[in-house]
Amino acid sequence: MCGHDIDCDIRANEAVCPPWYWRSAAVWPEPFHEEIGGDYVKEMGTKILQRRLPDWKVVRCERIEDALLWEKFSAKRAQLRERKVMKADVRPETAESIQYSANTTLDHGVNEVWLLHGTSEEAAKAISRSNFTASSGGCFGSGIYFADDARKS
């Protein structure tokens, strides 16, 4: 049983099922991988981008719905919940641009937020198939970098 927000999902199933608005949620727990375009995410992406880069526009957005990546993500999030990580008052700039329904699926109890990761289309497609892999270099050393400001990502 999947709920309509994160609190309901945690109570019903430890938040292991995909978000209710995913097309693929209907086939879960069967394997799935879909790359879905649409105006909803494109509009939120445009709002986030234009907060700092007002002359830029989002040309295309795709949401990746992948059973294996979701399983890894929800397991890691559950570990954080179990460890009772100290909740910080995290309010990244991106939080002001996402719509209500997207916000209700975030687990604020483990500081889950929307952030940006700037990369090429080719790298984004590779990430969607295999997950993020920490870089070995970069300006700040090895790691995976995200930002809440489009000028930084």
Protein backbone atom coordinates (compact mmCIF):
# COMPACT_ATOMS: atom_id res chain seq x y z
CA MET A 1 0.00 0.00 0.00
CA CYS A 2 1.43 3.38 -1.01
CA GLY A 3 0.31 6.61 0.56
CA HIS A 4 -0.16 10.13 -0.70
CA ASP A 5 2.60 11.76 1.34
CA ILE A 6 5.81 10.77 3.12
CA ASP A 7 4.28 10.47 6.60
CA CYS A 8 1.60 8.12 5.32
CA ASP A 9 4.22 6.07 3.43
CA ILE A 10 6.42 5.75 6.52
CA ARG A 11 3.47 4.54 8.60
CA ALA A 12 2.19 2.15 5.90
CA ASN A 13 5.40 0.62 4.57
CA GLU A 14 8.54 2.37 5.87
CA ALA A 15 8.43 4.52 2.69
CA VAL A 16 9.81 1.82 0.42
CA CYS A 17 7.24 2.20 -2.36
CA PRO A 18 7.87 4.81 -5.06
CA PRO A 19 6.13 8.20 -4.93
CA TRP A 20 2.40 8.01 -5.66
CA TYR A 21 2.68 10.22 -8.74
CA TRP A 22 5.16 7.97 -10.56
CA ARG A 23 3.59 6.18 -13.52
CA SER A 24 5.64 3.13 -12.61
CA ALA A 25 4.28 3.01 -9.05
CA ALA A 26 1.39 0.86 -10.33
CA VAL A 27 3.74 -2.01 -11.29
CA TRP A 28 5.93 -1.83 -8.17
CA PRO A 29 7.47 -4.08 -6.80
CA GLU A 30 8.07 -5.42 -10.31
CA PRO A 31 11.22 -4.03 -12.02
CA PHE A 32 10.79 -0.84 -14.03
CA HIS A 33 12.83 1.89 -15.72
CA GLU A 34 11.13 4.80 -17.45
CA GLU A 35 12.33 8.21 -18.55
CA ILE A 36 9.29 10.45 -18.48
CA GLY A 37 9.15 13.96 -19.82
CA GLY A 38 6.50 16.44 -18.91
CA ASP A 39 5.59 19.97 -18.03
CA TYR A 40 5.29 19.48 -14.25
CA VAL A 41 9.01 18.91 -13.56
CA LYS A 42 10.01 21.26 -16.39
CA GLU A 43 8.02 24.10 -14.77
CA MET A 44 9.60 23.49 -11.36
CA GLY A 45 13.05 23.23 -12.96
CA THR A 46 12.46 26.53 -14.73
CA LYS A 47 11.43 28.22 -11.46
CA ILE A 48 14.54 26.91 -9.71
CA LEU A 49 16.85 27.87 -12.58
CA GLN A 50 15.42 31.34 -13.10
CA ARG A 51 15.77 32.35 -9.45
CA ARG A 52 19.47 32.94 -10.15
CA LEU A 53 19.67 32.79 -13.94
CA PRO A 54 16.57 34.72 -15.07
CA ASP A 55 17.44 34.72 -18.78
CA TRP A 56 17.85 30.93 -18.94
CA LYS A 57 15.10 28.46 -19.64
CA VAL A 58 14.67 24.75 -19.24
CA VAL A 59 14.28 23.13 -22.64
CA ARG A 60 13.48 19.60 -21.49
CA CYS A 61 13.16 17.70 -18.22
CA GLU A 62 12.88 14.00 -17.69
CA ARG A 63 12.06 12.22 -14.48
CA ILE A 64 13.79 8.87 -14.12
CA GLU A 65 11.65 6.17 -12.56
CA ASP A 66 13.87 3.17 -11.85
CA ALA A 67 13.05 0.32 -9.46
CA LEU A 68 16.65 -0.58 -8.58
CA LEU A 69 17.73 3.02 -7.95
CA TRP A 70 14.59 3.65 -5.91
CA GLU A 71 15.25 0.55 -3.82
CA LYS A 72 18.81 1.70 -3.05
CA PHE A 73 17.65 5.22 -2.26
CA SER A 74 14.76 4.21 0.00
CA ALA A 75 16.99 1.73 1.88
CA LYS A 76 19.60 4.45 2.54
CA ARG A 77 16.90 6.88 3.63
CA ALA A 78 15.49 4.24 6.01
CA GLN A 79 18.97 3.77 7.52
CA LEU A 80 19.15 7.50 8.22
CA ARG A 81 15.70 7.39 9.78
CA GLU A 82 16.74 4.44 11.99
CA ARG A 83 19.88 6.26 13.15
CA LYS A 84 17.67 9.17 14.17
CA VAL A 85 19.90 11.67 12.42
CA MET A 86 19.67 15.10 13.98
CA LYS A 87 17.15 17.06 12.01
CA ALA A 88 18.47 20.42 10.91
CA ASP A 89 16.38 23.36 9.81
CA VAL A 90 17.37 22.91 6.19
CA ARG A 91 15.74 25.39 3.80
CA PRO A 92 17.66 25.39 0.54
CA GLU A 93 16.73 27.95 -2.06
CA THR A 94 15.20 25.19 -4.18
CA ALA A 95 12.52 24.58 -1.51
CA GLU A 96 10.88 27.88 -2.42
CA SER A 97 10.35 26.77 -6.01
CA ILE A 98 8.93 23.27 -5.73
CA GLN A 99 5.22 22.72 -5.68
CA TYR A 100 3.23 21.48 -2.71
CA SER A 101 2.73 17.91 -3.96
CA ALA A 102 6.47 17.47 -4.63
CA ASN A 103 7.27 18.80 -1.16
CA THR A 104 4.93 16.33 0.57
CA THR A 105 6.94 13.37 -0.74
CA LEU A 106 10.21 14.62 0.78
CA ASP A 107 11.27 13.09 4.11
CA HIS A 108 12.14 16.26 6.02
CA GLY A 109 12.90 14.08 9.06
CA VAL A 110 16.17 13.07 7.38
CA ASN A 111 16.77 16.45 5.73
CA GLU A 112 15.68 15.30 2.26
CA VAL A 113 15.59 18.23 -0.18
CA TRP A 114 15.65 18.98 -3.91
CA LEU A 115 19.07 20.11 -5.14
CA LEU A 116 20.71 20.68 -8.52
CA HIS A 117 23.50 18.70 -10.17
CA GLY A 118 24.94 20.25 -13.31
CA THR A 119 26.15 17.77 -15.89
CA SER A 120 25.99 16.90 -19.57
CA GLU A 121 23.03 15.08 -21.13
CA GLU A 122 25.25 12.04 -21.72
CA ALA A 123 26.37 11.93 -18.08
CA ALA A 124 22.78 12.41 -16.86
CA LYS A 125 21.66 9.39 -18.90
CA ALA A 126 24.52 7.32 -17.42
CA ILE A 127 23.50 8.41 -13.91
CA SER A 128 19.91 7.37 -14.62
CA ARG A 129 21.09 3.85 -15.46
CA SER A 130 23.62 3.31 -12.70
CA ASN A 131 23.38 5.95 -9.94
CA PHE A 132 25.76 8.72 -8.93
CA THR A 133 29.40 7.74 -8.64
CA ALA A 134 31.74 9.87 -6.59
CA SER A 135 34.27 11.76 -8.66
CA SER A 136 37.95 11.34 -7.89
CA GLY A 137 38.79 15.00 -8.22
CA GLY A 138 36.96 18.25 -8.66
CA CYS A 139 37.35 21.67 -7.13
CA PHE A 140 36.69 20.43 -3.60
CA GLY A 141 38.13 16.91 -3.78
CA SER A 142 36.38 13.63 -4.42
CA GLY A 143 32.63 13.43 -3.92
CA ILE A 144 29.28 14.16 -5.50
CA TYR A 145 28.37 17.82 -5.71
CA PHE A 146 24.92 19.38 -5.49
CA ALA A 147 23.80 22.97 -5.02
CA ASP A 148 20.62 24.89 -4.34
CA ASP A 149 21.80 27.73 -6.60
CA ALA A 150 21.80 27.13 -10.37
CA ARG A 151 24.90 29.33 -10.78
CA LYS A 152 26.91 26.87 -8.67
CA SER A 153 25.80 23.60 -10.23
